[in-house]
C-alpha cells in the first residue's frame, strides 16, 4: 500500500512510519516540520487544514490508505490554545477525511485518545462507558470520532478510531511523567518532585501504539469503528519511579503525594481490539521503560 501518515514527526507518527516501512509499504509523511527526513521516507510539509496541499500530495503519490496521527496531542496544550486545538484537530481531521472521500481512500486509521472518557469511577473502562470529555483536547478527539462514523455511514468508508492510552517512548516532545523521570535518571540527576506519586494513568509504549495502527490498517471491515488501545493496567507515578530506580539505583528518586492534574480513567478493556484487530500490547511497563531507557542512553 501507499500510505500517508499525517503528523509523521510526532511520537506515534514517527513510530508508525518506521513500522510500515519495515513491513514493506511505501510510506509518505505529512507534517508541518521536516524533522525526520531519512533515505527511507518521503516527507512533505504542509498544514492539515490546507485542502489543496493535501489533495496534491494524495494525487502525486497515489495514496490508498491514511494514518491520521497529526494534530495537537496533549490535554494541557489544548487548554493553553483552545482555538488552535479546535482548528487543527477538528478542521484538520475533516480535511483529511474529505480528501480521502474524494479519492476513494476507504482505509483510514484515526488516532483518538482515552481522554474522551473524562474522569470516571469505573475500575475498568469499556467501549460502553459514556464519553465525557472534560477539556478541549478531548472534545476535539471525540469530534474526530464522530466525523469518522458519519463518513463510514454516509460514504461507505472504513475509518477506524483508536482510543489510545497515554503513549510514551522515543520522540515524545509533549509533557509526560515517564519522560520527565527517565530523562533525568539517564543523566544521573537526582529527582525530588513535590507531588505526583499518586497519579494513576494507563501507559502504552509507542511501539505497541504503532503495532495497533498496523493491525487496524490490515482490517478491511470490522464490526466496530472505535477501539480501546492500551495495556489494560493503570500505573501510579510511584510505580514508575520504582521501575526507574531499579535501572538507575544510584539516582535518588523522591516524589511527593498527590496527582498531576490528569483525568482518572479506569483501565481499558481492550478485548474488542484483541478480538477484531488481533492486537495485544507486547510491552508491559517495565519492558517499555527499559527499551525507552536504552534509546535515551544511545542518544544522549
C-alpha atoms as a PDB file:
ATOM      1  CA  UNK A   1       0.000   0.000   0.000  1.00  0.00           C
ATOM      2  CA  UNK A   2       0.956   3.632  -0.479  1.00  0.00           C
ATOM      3  CA  UNK A   3       0.262   5.059   2.961  1.00  0.00           C
ATOM      4  CA  UNK A   4       0.126   8.706   4.019  1.00  0.00           C
ATOM      5  CA  UNK A   5       0.974   9.373   7.676  1.00  0.00           C
ATOM      6  CA  UNK A   6      -0.038  12.777   8.980  1.00  0.00           C
ATOM      7  CA  UNK A   7       1.933  14.044  11.967  1.00  0.00           C
ATOM      8  CA  UNK A   8       4.878  11.969  10.769  1.00  0.00           C
ATOM      9  CA  UNK A   9       7.452  13.665  13.003  1.00  0.00           C
ATOM     10  CA  UNK A  10       5.415  13.139  16.167  1.00  0.00           C
ATOM     11  CA  UNK A  11       5.659  10.409  18.769  1.00  0.00           C
ATOM     12  CA  UNK A  12       3.263   7.871  17.266  1.00  0.00           C
ATOM     13  CA  UNK A  13       3.572   9.078  13.679  1.00  0.00           C
ATOM     14  CA  UNK A  14       7.331   8.531  13.564  1.00  0.00           C
ATOM     15  CA  UNK A  15       6.990   5.027  15.039  1.00  0.00           C
ATOM     16  CA  UNK A  16       4.252   4.192  12.530  1.00  0.00           C
ATOM     17  CA  UNK A  17       6.471   5.396   9.682  1.00  0.00           C
ATOM     18  CA  UNK A  18       9.258   3.071  10.807  1.00  0.00           C
ATOM     19  CA  UNK A  19       6.999   0.064  11.267  1.00  0.00           C
ATOM     20  CA  UNK A  20       5.160   0.445   7.962  1.00  0.00           C
ATOM     21  CA  UNK A  21       8.450   0.886   6.101  1.00  0.00           C
ATOM     22  CA  UNK A  22       9.812  -2.255   7.732  1.00  0.00           C
ATOM     23  CA  UNK A  23       6.663  -4.111   6.655  1.00  0.00           C
ATOM     24  CA  UNK A  24       7.396  -3.204   3.029  1.00  0.00           C
ATOM     25  CA  UNK A  25       4.895  -0.420   2.435  1.00  0.00           C
ATOM     26  CA  UNK A  26       5.575   2.839   0.613  1.00  0.00           C
ATOM     27  CA  UNK A  27       5.228   5.497   3.302  1.00  0.00           C
ATOM     28  CA  UNK A  28       4.786   9.237   2.785  1.00  0.00           C
ATOM     29  CA  UNK A  29       4.917  11.577   5.754  1.00  0.00           C
ATOM     30  CA  UNK A  30       2.956  14.815   6.058  1.00  0.00           C
ATOM     31  CA  UNK A  31       3.940  17.282   8.744  1.00  0.00           C
ATOM     32  CA  UNK A  32       4.499  20.957   9.485  1.00  0.00           C
ATOM     33  CA  UNK A  33       8.192  20.315  10.019  1.00  0.00           C
ATOM     34  CA  UNK A  34      10.760  18.197   8.218  1.00  0.00           C
ATOM     35  CA  UNK A  35      12.465  16.884  11.317  1.00  0.00           C
ATOM     36  CA  UNK A  36      12.802  13.239  10.322  1.00  0.00           C
ATOM     37  CA  UNK A  37      13.915  13.157   6.712  1.00  0.00           C
ATOM     38  CA  UNK A  38      15.798   9.936   6.009  1.00  0.00           C
ATOM     39  CA  UNK A  39      16.616   7.877   2.973  1.00  0.00           C
ATOM     40  CA  UNK A  40      13.715   5.570   3.898  1.00  0.00           C
ATOM     41  CA  UNK A  41      10.866   8.069   3.646  1.00  0.00           C
ATOM     42  CA  UNK A  42       9.417  10.872   1.623  1.00  0.00           C
ATOM     43  CA  UNK A  43       8.157  13.637   3.913  1.00  0.00           C
ATOM     44  CA  UNK A  44       6.042  16.505   2.597  1.00  0.00           C
ATOM     45  CA  UNK A  45       5.425  19.653   4.600  1.00  0.00           C
ATOM     46  CA  UNK A  46       2.072  21.340   4.976  1.00  0.00           C
ATOM     47  CA  UNK A  47      -0.803  22.280   7.246  1.00  0.00           C
ATOM     48  CA  UNK A  48      -3.595  19.810   7.996  1.00  0.00           C
ATOM     49  CA  UNK A  49      -6.151  22.463   7.093  1.00  0.00           C
ATOM     50  CA  UNK A  50      -4.594  23.151   3.675  1.00  0.00           C
ATOM     51  CA  UNK A  51      -7.041  21.242   1.481  1.00  0.00           C
ATOM     52  CA  UNK A  52      -5.335  21.881  -1.905  1.00  0.00           C
ATOM     53  CA  UNK A  53      -1.930  20.890  -0.487  1.00  0.00           C
ATOM     54  CA  UNK A  54      -3.268  17.614   0.839  1.00  0.00           C
ATOM     55  CA  UNK A  55      -5.038  16.896  -2.455  1.00  0.00           C
ATOM     56  CA  UNK A  56      -1.808  17.424  -4.401  1.00  0.00           C
ATOM     57  CA  UNK A  57       0.109  15.002  -2.155  1.00  0.00           C
ATOM     58  CA  UNK A  58      -2.555  12.295  -2.358  1.00  0.00           C
ATOM     59  CA  UNK A  59      -2.578  12.585  -6.154  1.00  0.00           C
ATOM     60  CA  UNK A  60       1.212  12.730  -6.510  1.00  0.00           C
ATOM     61  CA  UNK A  61       1.890   9.572  -4.511  1.00  0.00           C
ATOM     62  CA  UNK A  62      -1.294   7.666  -5.437  1.00  0.00           C
ATOM     63  CA  UNK A  63      -2.169   7.235  -1.773  1.00  0.00           C
ATOM     64  CA  UNK A  64      -4.582   4.395  -0.956  1.00  0.00           C
ATOM     65  CA  UNK A  65      -4.504   4.414   2.865  1.00  0.00           C
ATOM     66  CA  UNK A  66      -4.091   7.099   5.528  1.00  0.00           C
ATOM     67  CA  UNK A  67      -2.932   7.105   9.134  1.00  0.00           C
ATOM     68  CA  UNK A  68      -4.136  10.353  10.684  1.00  0.00           C
ATOM     69  CA  UNK A  69      -1.930  10.978  13.704  1.00  0.00           C
ATOM     70  CA  UNK A  70      -1.390  14.695  13.138  1.00  0.00           C
ATOM     71  CA  UNK A  71      -2.687  17.427  15.402  1.00  0.00           C
ATOM     72  CA  UNK A  72      -2.302  18.887  18.869  1.00  0.00           C
ATOM     73  CA  UNK A  73      -1.730  15.881  21.076  1.00  0.00           C
ATOM     74  CA  UNK A  74      -1.924  16.740  24.752  1.00  0.00           C
ATOM     75  CA  UNK A  75      -4.743  17.819  27.127  1.00  0.00           C
ATOM     76  CA  UNK A  76      -2.655  20.593  28.689  1.00  0.00           C
ATOM     77  CA  UNK A  77      -1.733  22.032  25.291  1.00  0.00           C
ATOM     78  CA  UNK A  78      -5.402  22.092  24.389  1.00  0.00           C
ATOM     79  CA  UNK A  79      -6.177  24.321  27.343  1.00  0.00           C
ATOM     80  CA  UNK A  80      -3.361  26.719  26.512  1.00  0.00           C
ATOM     81  CA  UNK A  81      -4.649  27.262  22.973  1.00  0.00           C
ATOM     82  CA  UNK A  82      -8.320  26.193  22.634  1.00  0.00           C
ATOM     83  CA  UNK A  83      -8.874  27.888  19.270  1.00  0.00           C
ATOM     84  CA  UNK A  84      -5.794  26.317  17.685  1.00  0.00           C
ATOM     85  CA  UNK A  85      -6.804  22.933  19.087  1.00  0.00           C
ATOM     86  CA  UNK A  86     -10.248  23.170  17.502  1.00  0.00           C
ATOM     87  CA  UNK A  87      -8.822  24.361  14.194  1.00  0.00           C
ATOM     88  CA  UNK A  88      -6.069  21.765  13.942  1.00  0.00           C
ATOM     89  CA  UNK A  89      -7.807  18.754  15.432  1.00  0.00           C
ATOM     90  CA  UNK A  90     -11.331  19.234  14.114  1.00  0.00           C
ATOM     91  CA  UNK A  91     -10.984  21.171  10.866  1.00  0.00           C
ATOM     92  CA  UNK A  92      -7.746  19.337  10.085  1.00  0.00           C
ATOM     93  CA  UNK A  93      -9.384  15.954  10.643  1.00  0.00           C
ATOM     94  CA  UNK A  94     -12.385  16.859   8.482  1.00  0.00           C
ATOM     95  CA  UNK A  95      -9.941  17.928   5.748  1.00  0.00           C
ATOM     96  CA  UNK A  96      -8.191  14.560   5.857  1.00  0.00           C
ATOM     97  CA  UNK A  97     -11.465  12.634   5.732  1.00  0.00           C
ATOM     98  CA  UNK A  98     -12.903  14.735   2.906  1.00  0.00           C
ATOM     99  CA  UNK A  99      -9.785  14.344   0.758  1.00  0.00           C
ATOM    100  CA  UNK A 100      -9.965  10.602   1.410  1.00  0.00           C
ATOM    101  CA  UNK A 101     -13.601  10.564   0.286  1.00  0.00           C
ATOM    102  CA  UNK A 102     -12.837  12.422  -2.923  1.00  0.00           C
ATOM    103  CA  UNK A 103     -10.087   9.962  -3.843  1.00  0.00           C
ATOM    104  CA  UNK A 104     -11.953   6.850  -2.733  1.00  0.00           C
ATOM    105  CA  UNK A 105      -9.474   6.109   0.039  1.00  0.00           C
ATOM    106  CA  UNK A 106     -11.558   3.979   2.347  1.00  0.00           C
ATOM    107  CA  UNK A 107      -8.819   2.632   4.606  1.00  0.00           C
ATOM    108  CA  UNK A 108      -8.150   5.239   7.310  1.00  0.00           C
ATOM    109  CA  UNK A 109      -6.865   4.908  10.874  1.00  0.00           C
ATOM    110  CA  UNK A 110      -7.612   7.896  13.097  1.00  0.00           C
ATOM    111  CA  UNK A 111      -5.715   8.290  16.357  1.00  0.00           C
ATOM    112  CA  UNK A 112      -8.117   9.346  19.073  1.00  0.00           C
ATOM    113  CA  UNK A 113      -7.467   9.311  22.806  1.00  0.00           C
ATOM    114  CA  UNK A 114      -8.708   7.748  26.015  1.00  0.00           C
ATOM    115  CA  UNK A 115      -9.124  11.335  27.190  1.00  0.00           C
ATOM    116  CA  UNK A 116     -12.583  11.278  25.570  1.00  0.00           C
ATOM    117  CA  UNK A 117     -13.848   9.303  28.595  1.00  0.00           C
ATOM    118  CA  UNK A 118     -13.003  12.070  31.073  1.00  0.00           C
ATOM    119  CA  UNK A 119     -12.916  11.388  34.797  1.00  0.00           C
ATOM    120  CA  UNK A 120     -14.807   8.251  35.734  1.00  0.00           C
ATOM    121  CA  UNK A 121     -15.158   5.986  38.723  1.00  0.00           C
ATOM    122  CA  UNK A 122     -15.005   2.753  36.747  1.00  0.00           C
ATOM    123  CA  UNK A 123     -12.399   0.173  37.635  1.00  0.00           C
ATOM    124  CA  UNK A 124     -12.466  -0.946  34.005  1.00  0.00           C
ATOM    125  CA  UNK A 125     -13.303   1.345  31.078  1.00  0.00           C
ATOM    126  CA  UNK A 126     -15.172  -0.401  28.287  1.00  0.00           C
ATOM    127  CA  UNK A 127     -16.397   0.949  24.972  1.00  0.00           C
ATOM    128  CA  UNK A 128     -19.837   1.077  26.612  1.00  0.00           C
ATOM    129  CA  UNK A 129     -18.646   3.762  29.038  1.00  0.00           C
ATOM    130  CA  UNK A 130     -20.137   7.105  28.047  1.00  0.00           C
ATOM    131  CA  UNK A 131     -17.652   9.571  26.605  1.00  0.00           C
ATOM    132  CA  UNK A 132     -17.464  12.639  28.830  1.00  0.00           C
ATOM    133  CA  UNK A 133     -14.663  14.900  27.555  1.00  0.00           C
ATOM    134  CA  UNK A 134     -13.521  17.452  30.131  1.00  0.00           C
ATOM    135  CA  UNK A 135     -11.032  19.532  28.157  1.00  0.00           C
ATOM    136  CA  UNK A 136     -10.744  20.995  24.686  1.00  0.00           C
ATOM    137  CA  UNK A 137      -8.296  18.334  23.516  1.00  0.00           C
ATOM    138  CA  UNK A 138     -10.694  15.535  24.464  1.00  0.00           C
ATOM    139  CA  UNK A 139     -13.615  17.344  22.795  1.00  0.00           C
ATOM    140  CA  UNK A 140     -11.609  17.652  19.586  1.00  0.00           C
ATOM    141  CA  UNK A 141     -10.676  13.963  19.620  1.00  0.00           C
ATOM    142  CA  UNK A 142     -14.248  12.839  20.212  1.00  0.00           C
ATOM    143  CA  UNK A 143     -15.437  15.093  17.390  1.00  0.00           C
ATOM    144  CA  UNK A 144     -12.954  13.354  15.078  1.00  0.00           C
ATOM    145  CA  UNK A 145     -14.513  10.015  16.022  1.00  0.00           C
ATOM    146  CA  UNK A 146     -17.989  11.331  15.217  1.00  0.00           C
ATOM    147  CA  UNK A 147     -16.756  12.609  11.857  1.00  0.00           C
ATOM    148  CA  UNK A 148     -15.292   9.197  11.088  1.00  0.00           C
ATOM    149  CA  UNK A 149     -18.579   7.462  11.916  1.00  0.00           C
ATOM    150  CA  UNK A 150     -20.505   9.851   9.648  1.00  0.00           C
ATOM    151  CA  UNK A 151     -18.116   9.180   6.743  1.00  0.00           C
ATOM    152  CA  UNK A 152     -18.410   5.447   7.368  1.00  0.00           C
ATOM    153  CA  UNK A 153     -22.196   5.538   7.455  1.00  0.00           C
ATOM    154  CA  UNK A 154     -22.843   8.009   4.641  1.00  0.00           C
ATOM    155  CA  UNK A 155     -19.970   7.261   2.267  1.00  0.00           C
ATOM    156  CA  UNK A 156     -19.079   3.614   2.856  1.00  0.00           C
ATOM    157  CA  UNK A 157     -15.604   4.418   4.179  1.00  0.00           C
ATOM    158  CA  UNK A 158     -13.632   2.409   6.715  1.00  0.00           C
ATOM    159  CA  UNK A 159     -12.414   4.928   9.291  1.00  0.00           C
ATOM    160  CA  UNK A 160     -11.161   3.120  12.407  1.00  0.00           C
ATOM    161  CA  UNK A 161     -10.656   5.258  15.509  1.00  0.00           C
ATOM    162  CA  UNK A 162      -8.160   4.105  18.128  1.00  0.00           C
ATOM    163  CA  UNK A 163      -8.633   5.455  21.648  1.00  0.00           C
ATOM    164  CA  UNK A 164      -5.040   5.367  22.813  1.00  0.00           C
ATOM    165  CA  UNK A 165      -3.938   5.252  26.421  1.00  0.00           C
ATOM    166  CA  UNK A 166      -1.096   7.617  27.449  1.00  0.00           C
ATOM    167  CA  UNK A 167       1.645   6.918  24.900  1.00  0.00           C
ATOM    168  CA  UNK A 168       5.303   7.173  25.955  1.00  0.00           C
ATOM    169  CA  UNK A 169       8.620   6.483  24.293  1.00  0.00           C
ATOM    170  CA  UNK A 170      11.260   7.928  21.919  1.00  0.00           C
ATOM    171  CA  UNK A 171      10.436  11.202  20.138  1.00  0.00           C
ATOM    172  CA  UNK A 172       7.972  12.351  22.771  1.00  0.00           C
ATOM    173  CA  UNK A 173       8.028  16.156  22.851  1.00  0.00           C
ATOM    174  CA  UNK A 174       4.953  16.909  24.952  1.00  0.00           C
ATOM    175  CA  UNK A 175       4.856  16.642  28.788  1.00  0.00           C
ATOM    176  CA  UNK A 176       4.995  13.075  30.024  1.00  0.00           C
ATOM    177  CA  UNK A 177       5.655  11.752  33.570  1.00  0.00           C
ATOM    178  CA  UNK A 178       7.759   8.819  32.334  1.00  0.00           C
ATOM    179  CA  UNK A 179       9.809  11.068  30.061  1.00  0.00           C
ATOM    180  CA  UNK A 180      10.363  13.550  32.885  1.00  0.00           C
ATOM    181  CA  UNK A 181      11.609  10.945  35.355  1.00  0.00           C
ATOM    182  CA  UNK A 182      13.584   8.800  32.932  1.00  0.00           C
ATOM    183  CA  UNK A 183      15.445  11.600  31.156  1.00  0.00           C
ATOM    184  CA  UNK A 184      16.756  12.943  34.448  1.00  0.00           C
ATOM    185  CA  UNK A 185      17.751   9.466  35.605  1.00  0.00           C
ATOM    186  CA  UNK A 186      19.652   8.794  32.375  1.00  0.00           C
ATOM    187  CA  UNK A 187      21.810  11.846  33.093  1.00  0.00           C
ATOM    188  CA  UNK A 188      22.279  10.894  36.736  1.00  0.00           C
ATOM    189  CA  UNK A 189      20.200  13.776  38.081  1.00  0.00           C
ATOM    190  CA  UNK A 190      18.501  13.168  41.427  1.00  0.00           C
ATOM    191  CA  UNK A 191      14.721  13.541  41.250  1.00  0.00           C
ATOM    192  CA  UNK A 192      12.901  15.358  44.034  1.00  0.00           C
ATOM    193  CA  UNK A 193       9.388  16.246  42.854  1.00  0.00           C
ATOM    194  CA  UNK A 194       6.911  17.837  45.256  1.00  0.00           C
ATOM    195  CA  UNK A 195       3.858  15.944  44.022  1.00  0.00           C
ATOM    196  CA  UNK A 196       2.527  13.335  41.619  1.00  0.00           C
ATOM    197  CA  UNK A 197       3.206   9.957  43.252  1.00  0.00           C
ATOM    198  CA  UNK A 198      -0.494   9.029  43.428  1.00  0.00           C
ATOM    199  CA  UNK A 199      -1.411   9.942  39.853  1.00  0.00           C
ATOM    200  CA  UNK A 200      -2.765   6.907  38.015  1.00  0.00           C
ATOM    201  CA  UNK A 201      -2.555   6.614  34.244  1.00  0.00           C
ATOM    202  CA  UNK A 202      -2.650   3.816  31.738  1.00  0.00           C
ATOM    203  CA  UNK A 203       0.560   3.933  29.734  1.00  0.00           C
ATOM    204  CA  UNK A 204       1.230   2.243  26.404  1.00  0.00           C
ATOM    205  CA  UNK A 205       4.663   2.052  24.812  1.00  0.00           C
ATOM    206  CA  UNK A 206       4.905   3.776  21.450  1.00  0.00           C
ATOM    207  CA  UNK A 207       5.933   0.580  19.633  1.00  0.00           C
ATOM    208  CA  UNK A 208       2.700  -1.030  20.794  1.00  0.00           C
ATOM    209  CA  UNK A 209       0.692   2.001  19.659  1.00  0.00           C
ATOM    210  CA  UNK A 210       2.299   1.715  16.221  1.00  0.00           C
ATOM    211  CA  UNK A 211       1.518  -2.006  16.141  1.00  0.00           C
ATOM    212  CA  UNK A 212      -2.141  -1.258  16.839  1.00  0.00           C
ATOM    213  CA  UNK A 213      -2.193   1.131  13.883  1.00  0.00           C
ATOM    214  CA  UNK A 214      -0.636  -1.504  11.629  1.00  0.00           C
ATOM    215  CA  UNK A 215      -3.171  -4.106  12.736  1.00  0.00           C
ATOM    216  CA  UNK A 216      -6.053  -1.686  12.112  1.00  0.00           C
ATOM    217  CA  UNK A 217      -4.774  -0.910   8.614  1.00  0.00           C
ATOM    218  CA  UNK A 218      -4.859  -4.591   7.728  1.00  0.00           C
ATOM    219  CA  UNK A 219      -8.548  -4.983   8.598  1.00  0.00           C
ATOM    220  CA  UNK A 220     -10.846  -4.435   5.628  1.00  0.00           C
ATOM    221  CA  UNK A 221     -14.074  -4.377   7.626  1.00  0.00           C
ATOM    222  CA  UNK A 222     -14.919  -4.968  11.270  1.00  0.00           C
ATOM    223  CA  UNK A 223     -17.978  -4.801  13.473  1.00  0.00           C
ATOM    224  CA  UNK A 224     -16.775  -1.700  15.303  1.00  0.00           C
ATOM    225  CA  UNK A 225     -15.192   1.571  14.242  1.00  0.00           C
ATOM    226  CA  UNK A 226     -13.815   2.530  17.681  1.00  0.00           C
ATOM    227  CA  UNK A 227     -11.361   0.574  19.835  1.00  0.00           C
ATOM    228  CA  UNK A 228      -9.606   0.968  23.177  1.00  0.00           C
ATOM    229  CA  UNK A 229      -5.854   0.566  22.771  1.00  0.00           C
ATOM    230  CA  UNK A 230      -3.811   0.089  25.927  1.00  0.00           C
ATOM    231  CA  UNK A 231      -2.358  -2.483  28.270  1.00  0.00           C
ATOM    232  CA  UNK A 232      -5.433  -2.905  30.452  1.00  0.00           C
ATOM    233  CA  UNK A 233      -3.497  -1.786  33.512  1.00  0.00           C
ATOM    234  CA  UNK A 234      -3.210   1.548  35.335  1.00  0.00           C
ATOM    235  CA  UNK A 235       0.082   2.512  36.976  1.00  0.00           C
ATOM    236  CA  UNK A 236       0.927   5.190  39.509  1.00  0.00           C
ATOM    237  CA  UNK A 237       3.847   7.570  39.107  1.00  0.00           C
ATOM    238  CA  UNK A 238       5.271   5.963  42.237  1.00  0.00           C
ATOM    239  CA  UNK A 239       5.321   2.587  40.434  1.00  0.00           C
ATOM    240  CA  UNK A 240       7.148   4.202  37.530  1.00  0.00           C
ATOM    241  CA  UNK A 241       9.690   5.620  39.952  1.00  0.00           C
ATOM    242  CA  UNK A 242      10.254   2.148  41.385  1.00  0.00           C
ATOM    243  CA  UNK A 243      10.981   0.714  37.934  1.00  0.00           C
ATOM    244  CA  UNK A 244      13.383   3.543  37.101  1.00  0.00           C
ATOM    245  CA  UNK A 245      15.104   3.148  40.488  1.00  0.00           C
ATOM    246  CA  UNK A 246      15.951  -0.457  39.677  1.00  0.00           C
ATOM    247  CA  UNK A 247      17.502   0.587  36.364  1.00  0.00           C
ATOM    248  CA  UNK A 248      19.389   3.538  37.903  1.00  0.00           C
ATOM    249  CA  UNK A 249      19.962   2.608  41.573  1.00  0.00           C
ATOM    250  CA  UNK A 250      22.450   5.452  42.110  1.00  0.00           C
ATOM    251  CA  UNK A 251      19.823   8.096  41.347  1.00  0.00           C
ATOM    252  CA  UNK A 252      17.744   9.316  44.285  1.00  0.00           C
ATOM    253  CA  UNK A 253      14.041   9.469  43.374  1.00  0.00           C
ATOM    254  CA  UNK A 254      11.584  11.081  45.775  1.00  0.00           C
ATOM    255  CA  UNK A 255       8.099  12.098  44.646  1.00  0.00           C
ATOM    256  CA  UNK A 256       5.558  13.672  46.965  1.00  0.00           C
ATOM    257  CA  UNK A 257       1.892  12.642  47.228  1.00  0.00           C
ATOM    258  CA  UNK A 258      -0.904  13.940  45.049  1.00  0.00           C
ATOM    259  CA  UNK A 259      -1.690  13.898  41.342  1.00  0.00           C
ATOM    260  CA  UNK A 260      -0.567  15.822  38.265  1.00  0.00           C
ATOM    261  CA  UNK A 261      -3.951  17.053  37.101  1.00  0.00           C
ATOM    262  CA  UNK A 262      -4.766  14.271  34.630  1.00  0.00           C
ATOM    263  CA  UNK A 263      -8.206  12.670  34.477  1.00  0.00           C
ATOM    264  CA  UNK A 264      -8.704   9.416  36.329  1.00  0.00           C
ATOM    265  CA  UNK A 265      -9.821   6.815  33.795  1.00  0.00           C
ATOM    266  CA  UNK A 266     -10.354   3.174  34.689  1.00  0.00           C
ATOM    267  CA  UNK A 267      -8.042   0.673  32.992  1.00  0.00           C
ATOM    268  CA  UNK A 268      -9.051  -0.036  29.396  1.00  0.00           C
ATOM    269  CA  UNK A 269     -10.928  -3.132  28.362  1.00  0.00           C
ATOM    270  CA  UNK A 270      -9.107  -3.894  25.103  1.00  0.00           C
ATOM    271  CA  UNK A 271     -10.886  -7.172  24.368  1.00  0.00           C
ATOM    272  CA  UNK A 272     -12.526  -5.889  21.169  1.00  0.00           C
ATOM    273  CA  UNK A 273      -9.152  -4.784  19.797  1.00  0.00           C
ATOM    274  CA  UNK A 274      -7.766  -8.230  20.529  1.00  0.00           C
ATOM    275  CA  UNK A 275     -10.792  -9.932  19.006  1.00  0.00           C
ATOM    276  CA  UNK A 276     -11.313  -7.819  15.883  1.00  0.00           C
ATOM    277  CA  UNK A 277      -7.857  -6.334  15.202  1.00  0.00           C
ATOM    278  CA  UNK A 278      -5.739  -9.155  16.622  1.00  0.00           C
ATOM    279  CA  UNK A 279      -3.963  -6.586  18.773  1.00  0.00           C
ATOM    280  CA  UNK A 280      -2.479  -7.118  22.205  1.00  0.00           C
ATOM    281  CA  UNK A 281       0.242  -4.969  23.768  1.00  0.00           C
ATOM    282  CA  UNK A 282       3.644  -6.666  23.841  1.00  0.00           C
ATOM    283  CA  UNK A 283       5.373  -4.353  26.328  1.00  0.00           C
ATOM    284  CA  UNK A 284       4.471  -4.159  29.979  1.00  0.00           C
ATOM    285  CA  UNK A 285       5.522  -1.061  31.934  1.00  0.00           C
ATOM    286  CA  UNK A 286       8.939  -2.419  32.927  1.00  0.00           C
ATOM    287  CA  UNK A 287       9.800  -3.669  29.432  1.00  0.00           C
ATOM    288  CA  UNK A 288       8.711  -0.413  27.831  1.00  0.00           C
ATOM    289  CA  UNK A 289      10.718   1.748  30.237  1.00  0.00           C
ATOM    290  CA  UNK A 290      13.829  -0.404  29.744  1.00  0.00           C
ATOM    291  CA  UNK A 291      13.556  -0.134  25.955  1.00  0.00           C
ATOM    292  CA  UNK A 292      12.987   3.631  26.244  1.00  0.00           C
ATOM    293  CA  UNK A 293      15.979   3.977  28.586  1.00  0.00           C
ATOM    294  CA  UNK A 294      18.189   2.098  26.109  1.00  0.00           C
ATOM    295  CA  UNK A 295      17.137   4.545  23.392  1.00  0.00           C
ATOM    296  CA  UNK A 296      17.925   7.548  25.587  1.00  0.00           C
ATOM    297  CA  UNK A 297      21.312   6.112  26.560  1.00  0.00           C
ATOM    298  CA  UNK A 298      22.243   5.676  22.900  1.00  0.00           C
ATOM    299  CA  UNK A 299      21.099   9.194  22.014  1.00  0.00           C
ATOM    300  CA  UNK A 300      22.443  11.302  24.868  1.00  0.00           C
END
